[in-house]
PDB file of N, CA and C in Angstrom:
ATOM      1  N   UNK A   1     -99.447 -34.419 190.851  1.00  0.00           N
ATOM      2  CA  UNK A   1     -98.296 -33.800 191.498  1.00  0.00           C
ATOM      3  C   UNK A   1     -97.410 -34.880 192.104  1.00  0.00           C
ATOM      4  N   UNK A   2     -96.125 -34.715 192.013  1.00  0.00           N
ATOM      5  CA  UNK A   2     -95.169 -35.685 192.542  1.00  0.00           C
ATOM      6  C   UNK A   2     -94.899 -35.433 194.017  1.00  0.00           C
ATOM      7  N   UNK A   3     -94.632 -36.524 194.726  1.00  0.00           N
ATOM      8  CA  UNK A   3     -94.135 -36.380 196.089  1.00  0.00           C
ATOM      9  C   UNK A   3     -92.624 -36.395 195.989  1.00  0.00           C
ATOM     10  N   UNK A   4     -91.989 -35.329 196.440  1.00  0.00           N
ATOM     11  CA  UNK A   4     -90.540 -35.241 196.318  1.00  0.00           C
ATOM     12  C   UNK A   4     -89.827 -36.040 197.395  1.00  0.00           C
ATOM     13  N   UNK A   5     -90.425 -36.161 198.558  1.00  0.00           N
ATOM     14  CA  UNK A   5     -89.823 -36.914 199.655  1.00  0.00           C
ATOM     15  C   UNK A   5     -90.871 -37.874 200.206  1.00  0.00           C
ATOM     16  N   UNK A   6     -90.524 -39.150 200.288  1.00  0.00           N
ATOM     17  CA  UNK A   6     -91.413 -40.140 200.891  1.00  0.00           C
ATOM     18  C   UNK A   6     -90.645 -40.794 202.029  1.00  0.00           C
ATOM     19  N   UNK A   7     -91.042 -40.497 203.236  1.00  0.00           N
ATOM     20  CA  UNK A   7     -90.412 -41.118 204.394  1.00  0.00           C
ATOM     21  C   UNK A   7     -90.854 -42.573 204.468  1.00  0.00           C
ATOM     22  N   UNK A   8     -89.999 -43.419 204.997  1.00  0.00           N
ATOM     23  CA  UNK A   8     -90.297 -44.849 205.077  1.00  0.00           C
ATOM     24  C   UNK A   8     -91.660 -45.111 205.704  1.00  0.00           C
ATOM     25  N   UNK A   9     -91.983 -44.395 206.751  1.00  0.00           N
ATOM     26  CA  UNK A   9     -93.257 -44.597 207.441  1.00  0.00           C
ATOM     27  C   UNK A   9     -94.453 -44.221 206.568  1.00  0.00           C
ATOM     28  N   UNK A  10     -94.223 -43.404 205.548  1.00  0.00           N
ATOM     29  CA  UNK A  10     -95.307 -42.934 204.684  1.00  0.00           C
ATOM     30  C   UNK A  10     -95.429 -43.716 203.384  1.00  0.00           C
ATOM     31  N   UNK A  11     -94.527 -44.655 203.128  1.00  0.00           N
ATOM     32  CA  UNK A  11     -94.589 -45.440 201.895  1.00  0.00           C
ATOM     33  C   UNK A  11     -95.843 -46.305 201.909  1.00  0.00           C
ATOM     34  N   UNK A  12     -96.553 -46.318 200.800  1.00  0.00           N
ATOM     35  CA  UNK A  12     -97.762 -47.120 200.707  1.00  0.00           C
ATOM     36  C   UNK A  12     -97.438 -48.474 200.077  1.00  0.00           C
ATOM     37  N   UNK A  13     -98.403 -49.372 200.105  1.00  0.00           N
ATOM     38  CA  UNK A  13     -98.225 -50.703 199.548  1.00  0.00           C
ATOM     39  C   UNK A  13     -99.036 -50.823 198.267  1.00  0.00           C
ATOM     40  N   UNK A  14     -98.404 -51.361 197.218  1.00  0.00           N
ATOM     41  CA  UNK A  14     -99.071 -51.543 195.940  1.00  0.00           C
ATOM     42  C   UNK A  14     -99.941 -52.783 195.917  1.00  0.00           C
ATOM     43  N   UNK A  15    -100.608 -52.987 194.798  1.00  0.00           N
ATOM     44  CA  UNK A  15    -101.543 -54.100 194.629  1.00  0.00           C
ATOM     45  C   UNK A  15    -100.915 -55.470 194.815  1.00  0.00           C
ATOM     46  N   UNK A  16     -99.604 -55.588 194.532  1.00  0.00           N
ATOM     47  CA  UNK A  16     -98.944 -56.898 194.606  1.00  0.00           C
ATOM     48  C   UNK A  16     -97.998 -57.014 195.794  1.00  0.00           C
ATOM     49  N   UNK A  17     -98.113 -56.093 196.757  1.00  0.00           N
ATOM     50  CA  UNK A  17     -97.309 -56.183 197.975  1.00  0.00           C
ATOM     51  C   UNK A  17     -96.033 -55.376 197.966  1.00  0.00           C
ATOM     52  N   UNK A  18     -95.718 -54.717 196.864  1.00  0.00           N
ATOM     53  CA  UNK A  18     -94.515 -53.897 196.798  1.00  0.00           C
ATOM     54  C   UNK A  18     -94.723 -52.586 197.547  1.00  0.00           C
ATOM     55  N   UNK A  19     -93.637 -52.049 198.106  1.00  0.00           N
ATOM     56  CA  UNK A  19     -93.709 -50.735 198.756  1.00  0.00           C
ATOM     57  C   UNK A  19     -93.450 -49.680 197.702  1.00  0.00           C
ATOM     58  N   UNK A  20     -94.349 -48.710 197.618  1.00  0.00           N
ATOM     59  CA  UNK A  20     -94.246 -47.629 196.642  1.00  0.00           C
ATOM     60  C   UNK A  20     -93.518 -46.462 197.290  1.00  0.00           C
ATOM     61  N   UNK A  21     -92.417 -46.070 196.689  1.00  0.00           N
ATOM     62  CA  UNK A  21     -91.556 -45.040 197.257  1.00  0.00           C
ATOM     63  C   UNK A  21     -91.725 -43.746 196.462  1.00  0.00           C
ATOM     64  N   UNK A  22     -90.686 -42.951 196.358  1.00  0.00           N
ATOM     65  CA  UNK A  22     -90.753 -41.673 195.645  1.00  0.00           C
ATOM     66  C   UNK A  22     -91.080 -41.903 194.179  1.00  0.00           C
ATOM     67  N   UNK A  23     -91.806 -40.963 193.589  1.00  0.00           N
ATOM     68  CA  UNK A  23     -92.135 -41.041 192.173  1.00  0.00           C
ATOM     69  C   UNK A  23     -92.163 -39.638 191.601  1.00  0.00           C
ATOM     70  N   UNK A  24     -91.759 -39.563 190.358  1.00  0.00           N
ATOM     71  CA  UNK A  24     -91.796 -38.301 189.629  1.00  0.00           C
ATOM     72  C   UNK A  24     -92.664 -38.477 188.400  1.00  0.00           C
ATOM     73  N   UNK A  25     -92.575 -37.541 187.496  1.00  0.00           N
ATOM     74  CA  UNK A  25     -93.344 -37.604 186.259  1.00  0.00           C
ATOM     75  C   UNK A  25     -92.834 -38.706 185.334  1.00  0.00           C
ATOM     76  N   UNK A  26     -91.523 -39.004 185.379  1.00  0.00           N
ATOM     77  CA  UNK A  26     -90.909 -39.928 184.433  1.00  0.00           C
ATOM     78  C   UNK A  26     -90.451 -41.251 185.028  1.00  0.00           C
ATOM     79  N   UNK A  27     -90.353 -41.346 186.348  1.00  0.00           N
ATOM     80  CA  UNK A  27     -89.823 -42.559 186.979  1.00  0.00           C
ATOM     81  C   UNK A  27     -90.428 -42.738 188.372  1.00  0.00           C
ATOM     82  N   UNK A  28     -90.553 -43.999 188.784  1.00  0.00           N
ATOM     83  CA  UNK A  28     -91.040 -44.312 190.131  1.00  0.00           C
ATOM     84  C   UNK A  28     -90.105 -45.334 190.759  1.00  0.00           C
ATOM     85  N   UNK A  29     -89.951 -45.252 192.056  1.00  0.00           N
ATOM     86  CA  UNK A  29     -89.109 -46.178 192.801  1.00  0.00           C
ATOM     87  C   UNK A  29     -90.012 -47.055 193.657  1.00  0.00           C
ATOM     88  N   UNK A  30     -89.721 -48.365 193.658  1.00  0.00           N
ATOM     89  CA  UNK A  30     -90.484 -49.295 194.485  1.00  0.00           C
ATOM     90  C   UNK A  30     -89.533 -50.366 194.996  1.00  0.00           C
ATOM     91  N   UNK A  31     -89.965 -51.069 196.045  1.00  0.00           N
ATOM     92  CA  UNK A  31     -89.135 -52.123 196.615  1.00  0.00           C
ATOM     93  C   UNK A  31     -90.011 -53.327 196.950  1.00  0.00           C
ATOM     94  N   UNK A  32     -89.480 -54.486 196.629  1.00  0.00           N
ATOM     95  CA  UNK A  32     -90.099 -55.764 196.988  1.00  0.00           C
ATOM     96  C   UNK A  32     -89.250 -56.300 198.134  1.00  0.00           C
ATOM     97  N   UNK A  33     -89.851 -56.498 199.295  1.00  0.00           N
ATOM     98  CA  UNK A  33     -89.083 -56.896 200.468  1.00  0.00           C
ATOM     99  C   UNK A  33     -89.419 -58.312 200.905  1.00  0.00           C
ATOM    100  N   UNK A  34     -88.373 -59.098 201.144  1.00  0.00           N
ATOM    101  CA  UNK A  34     -88.501 -60.440 201.715  1.00  0.00           C
ATOM    102  C   UNK A  34     -89.447 -61.332 200.908  1.00  0.00           C
ATOM    103  N   UNK A  35     -89.302 -61.304 199.591  1.00  0.00           N
ATOM    104  CA  UNK A  35     -90.115 -62.165 198.733  1.00  0.00           C
ATOM    105  C   UNK A  35     -89.701 -63.613 198.994  1.00  0.00           C
ATOM    106  N   UNK A  36     -90.647 -64.519 199.193  1.00  0.00           N
ATOM    107  CA  UNK A  36     -90.318 -65.882 199.623  1.00  0.00           C
ATOM    108  C   UNK A  36     -89.707 -66.757 198.532  1.00  0.00           C
ATOM    109  N   UNK A  37     -88.799 -67.623 198.951  1.00  0.00           N
ATOM    110  CA  UNK A  37     -88.210 -68.611 198.032  1.00  0.00           C
ATOM    111  C   UNK A  37     -89.331 -69.424 197.410  1.00  0.00           C
ATOM    112  N   UNK A  38     -89.165 -69.759 196.146  1.00  0.00           N
ATOM    113  CA  UNK A  38     -90.156 -70.551 195.437  1.00  0.00           C
ATOM    114  C   UNK A  38     -91.161 -69.718 194.673  1.00  0.00           C
ATOM    115  N   UNK A  39     -91.292 -68.439 195.017  1.00  0.00           N
ATOM    116  CA  UNK A  39     -92.211 -67.581 194.257  1.00  0.00           C
ATOM    117  C   UNK A  39     -91.656 -67.419 192.847  1.00  0.00           C
ATOM    118  N   UNK A  40     -92.541 -67.397 191.871  1.00  0.00           N
ATOM    119  CA  UNK A  40     -92.107 -67.226 190.488  1.00  0.00           C
ATOM    120  C   UNK A  40     -93.172 -66.472 189.719  1.00  0.00           C
ATOM    121  N   UNK A  41     -92.789 -66.055 188.537  1.00  0.00           N
ATOM    122  CA  UNK A  41     -93.715 -65.333 187.675  1.00  0.00           C
ATOM    123  C   UNK A  41     -93.676 -65.973 186.295  1.00  0.00           C
ATOM    124  N   UNK A  42     -94.838 -66.269 185.719  1.00  0.00           N
ATOM    125  CA  UNK A  42     -94.842 -66.793 184.357  1.00  0.00           C
ATOM    126  C   UNK A  42     -94.333 -65.718 183.395  1.00  0.00           C
ATOM    127  N   UNK A  43     -93.909 -66.137 182.222  1.00  0.00           N
ATOM    128  CA  UNK A  43     -93.418 -65.170 181.243  1.00  0.00           C
ATOM    129  C   UNK A  43     -94.498 -64.129 180.965  1.00  0.00           C
ATOM    130  N   UNK A  44     -94.098 -62.877 181.011  1.00  0.00           N
ATOM    131  CA  UNK A  44     -94.995 -61.775 180.701  1.00  0.00           C
ATOM    132  C   UNK A  44     -94.164 -60.556 180.320  1.00  0.00           C
ATOM    133  N   UNK A  45     -94.814 -59.529 179.822  1.00  0.00           N
ATOM    134  CA  UNK A  45     -94.154 -58.283 179.458  1.00  0.00           C
ATOM    135  C   UNK A  45     -94.954 -57.125 180.044  1.00  0.00           C
ATOM    136  N   UNK A  46     -94.280 -56.028 180.316  1.00  0.00           N
ATOM    137  CA  UNK A  46     -94.933 -54.826 180.832  1.00  0.00           C
ATOM    138  C   UNK A  46     -94.813 -53.707 179.805  1.00  0.00           C
ATOM    139  N   UNK A  47     -95.663 -52.707 179.929  1.00  0.00           N
ATOM    140  CA  UNK A  47     -95.591 -51.571 179.021  1.00  0.00           C
ATOM    141  C   UNK A  47     -94.634 -50.492 179.531  1.00  0.00           C
ATOM    142  N   UNK A  48     -93.875 -50.805 180.567  1.00  0.00           N
ATOM    143  CA  UNK A  48     -92.874 -49.886 181.102  1.00  0.00           C
ATOM    144  C   UNK A  48     -91.534 -50.616 181.208  1.00  0.00           C
ATOM    145  N   UNK A  49     -90.460 -49.834 181.244  1.00  0.00           N
ATOM    146  CA  UNK A  49     -89.117 -50.377 181.446  1.00  0.00           C
ATOM    147  C   UNK A  49     -88.793 -50.281 182.934  1.00  0.00           C
ATOM    148  N   UNK A  50     -88.013 -51.246 183.419  1.00  0.00           N
ATOM    149  CA  UNK A  50     -87.520 -51.069 184.783  1.00  0.00           C
ATOM    150  C   UNK A  50     -86.116 -51.625 184.931  1.00  0.00           C
ATOM    151  N   UNK A  51     -85.392 -51.015 185.861  1.00  0.00           N
ATOM    152  CA  UNK A  51     -84.089 -51.517 186.268  1.00  0.00           C
ATOM    153  C   UNK A  51     -84.241 -51.980 187.701  1.00  0.00           C
ATOM    154  N   UNK A  52     -83.545 -53.063 188.034  1.00  0.00           N
ATOM    155  CA  UNK A  52     -83.683 -53.664 189.363  1.00  0.00           C
ATOM    156  C   UNK A  52     -82.314 -53.887 189.983  1.00  0.00           C
ATOM    157  N   UNK A  53     -82.264 -53.770 191.303  1.00  0.00           N
ATOM    158  CA  UNK A  53     -81.050 -53.983 192.083  1.00  0.00           C
ATOM    159  C   UNK A  53     -81.407 -54.903 193.242  1.00  0.00           C
ATOM    160  N   UNK A  54     -80.698 -56.036 193.335  1.00  0.00           N
ATOM    161  CA  UNK A  54     -80.969 -57.027 194.376  1.00  0.00           C
ATOM    162  C   UNK A  54     -80.212 -56.631 195.640  1.00  0.00           C
ATOM    163  N   UNK A  55     -80.948 -56.418 196.733  1.00  0.00           N
ATOM    164  CA  UNK A  55     -80.319 -56.035 198.000  1.00  0.00           C
ATOM    165  C   UNK A  55     -80.187 -57.197 198.969  1.00  0.00           C
ATOM    166  N   UNK A  56     -80.917 -58.299 198.683  1.00  0.00           N
ATOM    167  CA  UNK A  56     -80.884 -59.448 199.585  1.00  0.00           C
ATOM    168  C   UNK A  56     -81.377 -60.669 198.820  1.00  0.00           C
ATOM    169  N   UNK A  57     -80.762 -61.817 199.059  1.00  0.00           N
ATOM    170  CA  UNK A  57     -81.254 -63.066 198.501  1.00  0.00           C
ATOM    171  C   UNK A  57     -80.700 -63.421 197.134  1.00  0.00           C
ATOM    172  N   UNK A  58     -81.414 -64.328 196.459  1.00  0.00           N
ATOM    173  CA  UNK A  58     -80.971 -64.855 195.168  1.00  0.00           C
ATOM    174  C   UNK A  58     -82.181 -65.131 194.296  1.00  0.00           C
ATOM    175  N   UNK A  59     -82.091 -64.725 193.032  1.00  0.00           N
ATOM    176  CA  UNK A  59     -83.170 -64.917 192.063  1.00  0.00           C
ATOM    177  C   UNK A  59     -82.601 -65.524 190.792  1.00  0.00           C
ATOM    178  N   UNK A  60     -83.477 -66.127 190.016  1.00  0.00           N
ATOM    179  CA  UNK A  60     -83.141 -66.579 188.661  1.00  0.00           C
ATOM    180  C   UNK A  60     -84.022 -65.752 187.724  1.00  0.00           C
ATOM    181  N   UNK A  61     -83.394 -64.997 186.816  1.00  0.00           N
ATOM    182  CA  UNK A  61     -84.117 -64.072 185.949  1.00  0.00           C
ATOM    183  C   UNK A  61     -83.795 -64.397 184.494  1.00  0.00           C
ATOM    184  N   UNK A  62     -84.829 -64.388 183.657  1.00  0.00           N
ATOM    185  CA  UNK A  62     -84.633 -64.531 182.212  1.00  0.00           C
ATOM    186  C   UNK A  62     -85.313 -63.346 181.546  1.00  0.00           C
ATOM    187  N   UNK A  63     -84.548 -62.618 180.733  1.00  0.00           N
ATOM    188  CA  UNK A  63     -85.055 -61.451 180.019  1.00  0.00           C
ATOM    189  C   UNK A  63     -84.975 -61.740 178.530  1.00  0.00           C
ATOM    190  N   UNK A  64     -86.097 -61.645 177.845  1.00  0.00           N
ATOM    191  CA  UNK A  64     -86.133 -61.906 176.410  1.00  0.00           C
ATOM    192  C   UNK A  64     -85.784 -63.354 176.116  1.00  0.00           C
ATOM    193  N   UNK A  65     -84.982 -63.558 175.079  1.00  0.00           N
ATOM    194  CA  UNK A  65     -84.609 -64.903 174.642  1.00  0.00           C
ATOM    195  C   UNK A  65     -83.334 -65.416 175.318  1.00  0.00           C
ATOM    196  N   UNK A  66     -82.745 -64.610 176.206  1.00  0.00           N
ATOM    197  CA  UNK A  66     -81.496 -64.994 176.869  1.00  0.00           C
ATOM    198  C   UNK A  66     -81.732 -66.167 177.821  1.00  0.00           C
ATOM    199  N   UNK A  67     -80.663 -66.874 178.144  1.00  0.00           N
ATOM    200  CA  UNK A  67     -80.737 -67.936 179.142  1.00  0.00           C
ATOM    201  C   UNK A  67     -80.981 -67.325 180.521  1.00  0.00           C
ATOM    202  N   UNK A  68     -81.637 -68.049 181.424  1.00  0.00           N
ATOM    203  CA  UNK A  68     -81.812 -67.548 182.792  1.00  0.00           C
ATOM    204  C   UNK A  68     -80.457 -67.348 183.479  1.00  0.00           C
ATOM    205  N   UNK A  69     -80.387 -66.326 184.329  1.00  0.00           N
ATOM    206  CA  UNK A  69     -79.164 -66.001 185.062  1.00  0.00           C
ATOM    207  C   UNK A  69     -79.515 -65.851 186.530  1.00  0.00           C
ATOM    208  N   UNK A  70     -78.682 -66.393 187.413  1.00  0.00           N
ATOM    209  CA  UNK A  70     -78.866 -66.173 188.847  1.00  0.00           C
ATOM    210  C   UNK A  70     -78.290 -64.814 189.212  1.00  0.00           C
ATOM    211  N   UNK A  71     -79.097 -64.011 189.890  1.00  0.00           N
ATOM    212  CA  UNK A  71     -78.668 -62.695 190.346  1.00  0.00           C
ATOM    213  C   UNK A  71     -78.847 -62.629 191.850  1.00  0.00           C
ATOM    214  N   UNK A  72     -77.830 -62.080 192.519  1.00  0.00           N
ATOM    215  CA  UNK A  72     -77.850 -61.993 193.971  1.00  0.00           C
ATOM    216  C   UNK A  72     -77.480 -60.610 194.445  1.00  0.00           C
ATOM    217  N   UNK A  73     -77.157 -60.506 195.710  1.00  0.00           N
ATOM    218  CA  UNK A  73     -76.854 -59.227 196.348  1.00  0.00           C
ATOM    219  C   UNK A  73     -75.827 -58.450 195.533  1.00  0.00           C
ATOM    220  N   UNK A  74     -76.174 -57.214 195.206  1.00  0.00           N
ATOM    221  CA  UNK A  74     -75.286 -56.333 194.464  1.00  0.00           C
ATOM    222  C   UNK A  74     -75.447 -56.420 192.959  1.00  0.00           C
ATOM    223  N   UNK A  75     -76.191 -57.420 192.463  1.00  0.00           N
ATOM    224  CA  UNK A  75     -76.421 -57.560 191.026  1.00  0.00           C
ATOM    225  C   UNK A  75     -77.619 -56.712 190.608  1.00  0.00           C
ATOM    226  N   UNK A  76     -77.637 -56.364 189.323  1.00  0.00           N
ATOM    227  CA  UNK A  76     -78.755 -55.587 188.795  1.00  0.00           C
ATOM    228  C   UNK A  76     -79.097 -56.079 187.402  1.00  0.00           C
ATOM    229  N   UNK A  77     -80.291 -55.719 186.933  1.00  0.00           N
ATOM    230  CA  UNK A  77     -80.726 -56.105 185.598  1.00  0.00           C
ATOM    231  C   UNK A  77     -81.751 -55.102 185.093  1.00  0.00           C
ATOM    232  N   UNK A  78     -81.988 -55.126 183.785  1.00  0.00           N
ATOM    233  CA  UNK A  78     -82.978 -54.243 183.173  1.00  0.00           C
ATOM    234  C   UNK A  78     -83.951 -55.081 182.354  1.00  0.00           C
ATOM    235  N   UNK A  79     -85.218 -54.701 182.395  1.00  0.00           N
ATOM    236  CA  UNK A  79     -86.243 -55.331 181.570  1.00  0.00           C
ATOM    237  C   UNK A  79     -86.850 -54.221 180.706  1.00  0.00           C
ATOM    238  N   UNK A  80     -86.503 -54.179 179.406  1.00  0.00           N
ATOM    239  CA  UNK A  80     -87.066 -53.145 178.534  1.00  0.00           C
ATOM    240  C   UNK A  80     -88.582 -53.301 178.383  1.00  0.00           C
ATOM    241  N   UNK A  81     -89.260 -52.216 178.140  1.00  0.00           N
ATOM    242  CA  UNK A  81     -90.709 -52.243 177.917  1.00  0.00           C
ATOM    243  C   UNK A  81     -91.033 -53.200 176.775  1.00  0.00           C
ATOM    244  N   UNK A  82     -92.063 -53.999 176.970  1.00  0.00           N
ATOM    245  CA  UNK A  82     -92.516 -54.914 175.933  1.00  0.00           C
ATOM    246  C   UNK A  82     -91.702 -56.181 175.783  1.00  0.00           C
ATOM    247  N   UNK A  83     -90.686 -56.373 176.609  1.00  0.00           N
ATOM    248  CA  UNK A  83     -89.817 -57.553 176.520  1.00  0.00           C
ATOM    249  C   UNK A  83     -90.315 -58.633 177.474  1.00  0.00           C
ATOM    250  N   UNK A  84     -90.550 -59.852 176.986  1.00  0.00           N
ATOM    251  CA  UNK A  84     -90.981 -60.932 177.867  1.00  0.00           C
ATOM    252  C   UNK A  84     -89.879 -61.297 178.876  1.00  0.00           C
ATOM    253  N   UNK A  85     -90.282 -61.588 180.093  1.00  0.00           N
ATOM    254  CA  UNK A  85     -89.318 -62.013 181.106  1.00  0.00           C
ATOM    255  C   UNK A  85     -90.001 -62.906 182.126  1.00  0.00           C
ATOM    256  N   UNK A  86     -89.184 -63.628 182.882  1.00  0.00           N
ATOM    257  CA  UNK A  86     -89.659 -64.458 183.983  1.00  0.00           C
ATOM    258  C   UNK A  86     -88.661 -64.328 185.128  1.00  0.00           C
ATOM    259  N   UNK A  87     -89.118 -64.690 186.323  1.00  0.00           N
ATOM    260  CA  UNK A  87     -88.196 -64.765 187.452  1.00  0.00           C
ATOM    261  C   UNK A  87     -88.650 -65.851 188.406  1.00  0.00           C
ATOM    262  N   UNK A  88     -87.703 -66.328 189.182  1.00  0.00           N
ATOM    263  CA  UNK A  88     -87.971 -67.266 190.262  1.00  0.00           C
ATOM    264  C   UNK A  88     -87.124 -66.847 191.447  1.00  0.00           C
ATOM    265  N   UNK A  89     -87.707 -66.804 192.632  1.00  0.00           N
ATOM    266  CA  UNK A  89     -86.963 -66.484 193.846  1.00  0.00           C
ATOM    267  C   UNK A  89     -86.323 -67.786 194.337  1.00  0.00           C
ATOM    268  N   UNK A  90     -84.996 -67.835 194.334  1.00  0.00           N
ATOM    269  CA  UNK A  90     -84.256 -69.017 194.768  1.00  0.00           C
ATOM    270  C   UNK A  90     -84.075 -68.996 196.287  1.00  0.00           C
ATOM    271  N   UNK A  91     -83.676 -67.848 196.829  1.00  0.00           N
ATOM    272  CA  UNK A  91     -83.569 -67.614 198.270  1.00  0.00           C
ATOM    273  C   UNK A  91     -84.314 -66.327 198.566  1.00  0.00           C
ATOM    274  N   UNK A  92     -85.018 -66.264 199.671  1.00  0.00           N
ATOM    275  CA  UNK A  92     -85.794 -65.065 200.019  1.00  0.00           C
ATOM    276  C   UNK A  92     -85.031 -63.817 199.577  1.00  0.00           C
ATOM    277  N   UNK A  93     -85.713 -62.926 198.858  1.00  0.00           N
ATOM    278  CA  UNK A  93     -85.029 -61.809 198.219  1.00  0.00           C
ATOM    279  C   UNK A  93     -85.743 -60.483 198.431  1.00  0.00           C
ATOM    280  N   UNK A  94     -84.951 -59.421 198.353  1.00  0.00           N
ATOM    281  CA  UNK A  94     -85.463 -58.048 198.331  1.00  0.00           C
ATOM    282  C   UNK A  94     -84.850 -57.358 197.124  1.00  0.00           C
ATOM    283  N   UNK A  95     -85.677 -56.602 196.402  1.00  0.00           N
ATOM    284  CA  UNK A  95     -85.247 -55.983 195.150  1.00  0.00           C
ATOM    285  C   UNK A  95     -85.794 -54.559 195.077  1.00  0.00           C
ATOM    286  N   UNK A  96     -84.931 -53.609 194.735  1.00  0.00           N
ATOM    287  CA  UNK A  96     -85.328 -52.222 194.519  1.00  0.00           C
ATOM    288  C   UNK A  96     -85.449 -52.016 193.012  1.00  0.00           C
ATOM    289  N   UNK A  97     -86.559 -51.400 192.571  1.00  0.00           N
ATOM    290  CA  UNK A  97     -86.780 -51.170 191.145  1.00  0.00           C
ATOM    291  C   UNK A  97     -87.081 -49.702 190.875  1.00  0.00           C
ATOM    292  N   UNK A  98     -86.546 -49.218 189.755  1.00  0.00           N
ATOM    293  CA  UNK A  98     -86.921 -47.911 189.202  1.00  0.00           C
ATOM    294  C   UNK A  98     -87.700 -48.193 187.931  1.00  0.00           C
ATOM    295  N   UNK A  99     -88.911 -47.665 187.830  1.00  0.00           N
ATOM    296  CA  UNK A  99     -89.855 -47.972 186.750  1.00  0.00           C
ATOM    297  C   UNK A  99     -90.116 -46.704 185.936  1.00  0.00           C
ATOM    298  N   UNK A 100     -89.980 -46.820 184.604  1.00  0.00           N
ATOM    299  CA  UNK A 100     -90.201 -45.656 183.746  1.00  0.00           C
ATOM    300  C   UNK A 100     -90.995 -46.041 182.502  1.00  0.00           C
ATOM    301  N   UNK A 101     -92.052 -45.361 182.175  1.00  0.00           N
ATOM    302  CA  UNK A 101     -92.697 -44.356 183.020  1.00  0.00           C
ATOM    303  C   UNK A 101     -93.397 -45.033 184.194  1.00  0.00           C
ATOM    304  N   UNK A 102     -93.687 -44.273 185.234  1.00  0.00           N
ATOM    305  CA  UNK A 102     -94.324 -44.873 186.411  1.00  0.00           C
ATOM    306  C   UNK A 102     -95.721 -45.391 186.082  1.00  0.00           C
ATOM    307  N   UNK A 103     -96.081 -46.555 186.621  1.00  0.00           N
ATOM    308  CA  UNK A 103     -97.447 -47.055 186.443  1.00  0.00           C
ATOM    309  C   UNK A 103     -98.459 -46.067 187.041  1.00  0.00           C
ATOM    310  N   UNK A 104     -99.660 -46.083 186.515  1.00  0.00           N
ATOM    311  CA  UNK A 104    -100.718 -45.209 187.037  1.00  0.00           C
ATOM    312  C   UNK A 104    -101.027 -45.579 188.481  1.00  0.00           C
ATOM    313  N   UNK A 105    -101.356 -44.587 189.248  1.00  0.00           N
ATOM    314  CA  UNK A 105    -101.783 -44.819 190.636  1.00  0.00           C
ATOM    315  C   UNK A 105    -103.244 -45.208 190.647  1.00  0.00           C
ATOM    316  N   UNK A 106    -103.602 -46.111 191.557  1.00  0.00           N
ATOM    317  CA  UNK A 106    -105.015 -46.521 191.687  1.00  0.00           C
ATOM    318  C   UNK A 106    -105.795 -45.528 192.505  1.00  0.00           C
TER     319      UNK A 106
END
Protein backbone atom coordinates (compact mmCIF):
# COMPACT_ATOMS: atom_id res chain seq x y z
CA UNK A 1 0.00 0.00 0.00
CA UNK A 2 1.25 3.49 -0.82
CA UNK A 3 1.61 6.31 1.64
CA UNK A 4 -0.17 9.24 0.06
CA UNK A 5 1.21 11.85 2.45
CA UNK A 6 4.62 11.72 4.13
CA UNK A 7 5.26 14.53 6.56
CA UNK A 8 8.88 15.63 6.87
CA UNK A 9 9.07 14.32 10.42
CA UNK A 10 7.92 10.89 9.21
CA UNK A 11 10.36 10.50 6.31
CA UNK A 12 12.63 7.51 6.82
CA UNK A 13 16.28 7.15 5.85
CA UNK A 14 17.40 4.73 3.14
CA UNK A 15 20.41 2.43 3.14
CA UNK A 16 22.70 5.09 1.62
CA UNK A 17 21.57 8.07 3.71
CA UNK A 18 18.86 9.41 1.40
CA UNK A 19 15.53 10.54 2.85
CA UNK A 20 12.66 8.46 1.50
CA UNK A 21 9.61 10.58 0.80
CA UNK A 22 6.22 9.84 -0.79
CA UNK A 23 5.98 6.78 -3.01
CA UNK A 24 3.33 5.28 -5.20
CA UNK A 25 3.05 2.12 -7.25
CA UNK A 26 4.97 3.63 -10.20
CA UNK A 27 7.26 6.31 -8.74
CA UNK A 28 9.08 7.22 -5.52
CA UNK A 29 10.46 10.54 -4.33
CA UNK A 30 13.70 10.80 -2.37
CA UNK A 31 16.16 13.52 -1.41
CA UNK A 32 19.89 13.54 -0.81
CA UNK A 33 20.69 16.38 1.58
CA UNK A 34 24.02 18.13 2.14
CA UNK A 35 26.12 15.54 0.31
CA UNK A 36 29.77 16.48 0.95
CA UNK A 37 32.14 17.90 -1.65
CA UNK A 38 34.50 15.27 -2.99
CA UNK A 39 32.00 12.42 -2.77
CA UNK A 40 31.78 10.51 -6.03
CA UNK A 41 30.32 7.38 -7.50
CA UNK A 42 32.09 4.98 -9.85
CA UNK A 43 30.36 4.29 -13.15
CA UNK A 44 27.33 2.09 -12.60
CA UNK A 45 23.79 1.55 -13.89
CA UNK A 46 20.48 1.00 -12.11
CA UNK A 47 17.47 -1.05 -13.13
CA UNK A 48 15.24 2.00 -12.64
CA UNK A 49 15.04 5.42 -14.30
CA UNK A 50 15.30 8.60 -12.31
CA UNK A 51 15.06 12.32 -12.82
CA UNK A 52 16.98 14.63 -10.51
CA UNK A 53 16.71 18.30 -9.55
CA UNK A 54 19.59 20.08 -7.81
CA UNK A 55 18.36 22.31 -4.98
CA UNK A 56 21.75 23.25 -3.54
CA UNK A 57 25.42 23.01 -4.49
CA UNK A 58 27.26 21.85 -7.60
CA UNK A 59 27.84 18.41 -9.13
CA UNK A 60 29.60 16.98 -12.16
CA UNK A 61 27.42 14.32 -13.83
CA UNK A 62 28.11 12.05 -16.79
CA UNK A 63 25.25 10.02 -18.27
CA UNK A 64 26.03 7.34 -20.83
CA UNK A 65 28.77 8.23 -23.31
CA UNK A 66 28.21 12.01 -23.00
CA UNK A 67 30.88 14.33 -21.62
CA UNK A 68 30.55 15.24 -17.92
CA UNK A 69 28.46 18.36 -17.24
CA UNK A 70 28.42 20.59 -14.17
CA UNK A 71 24.91 20.92 -12.78
CA UNK A 72 23.93 23.35 -10.05
CA UNK A 73 20.94 24.93 -8.36
CA UNK A 74 17.89 24.77 -10.61
CA UNK A 75 19.43 22.26 -13.04
CA UNK A 76 18.00 18.81 -13.64
CA UNK A 77 18.99 15.60 -15.39
CA UNK A 78 17.66 12.14 -16.21
CA UNK A 79 19.38 8.76 -15.97
CA UNK A 80 17.50 6.12 -18.01
CA UNK A 81 17.30 2.59 -16.62
CA UNK A 82 20.33 0.52 -17.55
CA UNK A 83 22.41 3.55 -18.59
CA UNK A 84 25.89 3.85 -17.04
CA UNK A 85 26.52 7.11 -15.19
CA UNK A 86 28.87 8.73 -12.69
CA UNK A 87 28.78 11.80 -10.49
CA UNK A 88 31.08 13.87 -8.35
CA UNK A 89 29.99 16.42 -5.75
CA UNK A 90 31.96 19.61 -6.50
CA UNK A 91 30.31 21.75 -3.77
CA UNK A 92 28.14 20.34 -0.98
CA UNK A 93 24.87 19.48 -2.72
CA UNK A 94 21.25 18.52 -2.18
CA UNK A 95 19.31 16.70 -4.89
CA UNK A 96 15.65 15.65 -5.16
CA UNK A 97 15.01 12.51 -7.24
CA UNK A 98 11.91 10.83 -8.64
CA UNK A 99 12.60 7.11 -9.24
CA UNK A 100 10.50 4.87 -11.50
CA UNK A 101 9.70 2.17 -10.76
CA UNK A 102 10.37 2.65 -7.05
CA UNK A 103 13.07 0.42 -5.55
CA UNK A 104 11.83 -2.34 -3.26
CA UNK A 105 11.49 -1.45 0.39
CA UNK A 106 13.71 -3.32 2.85
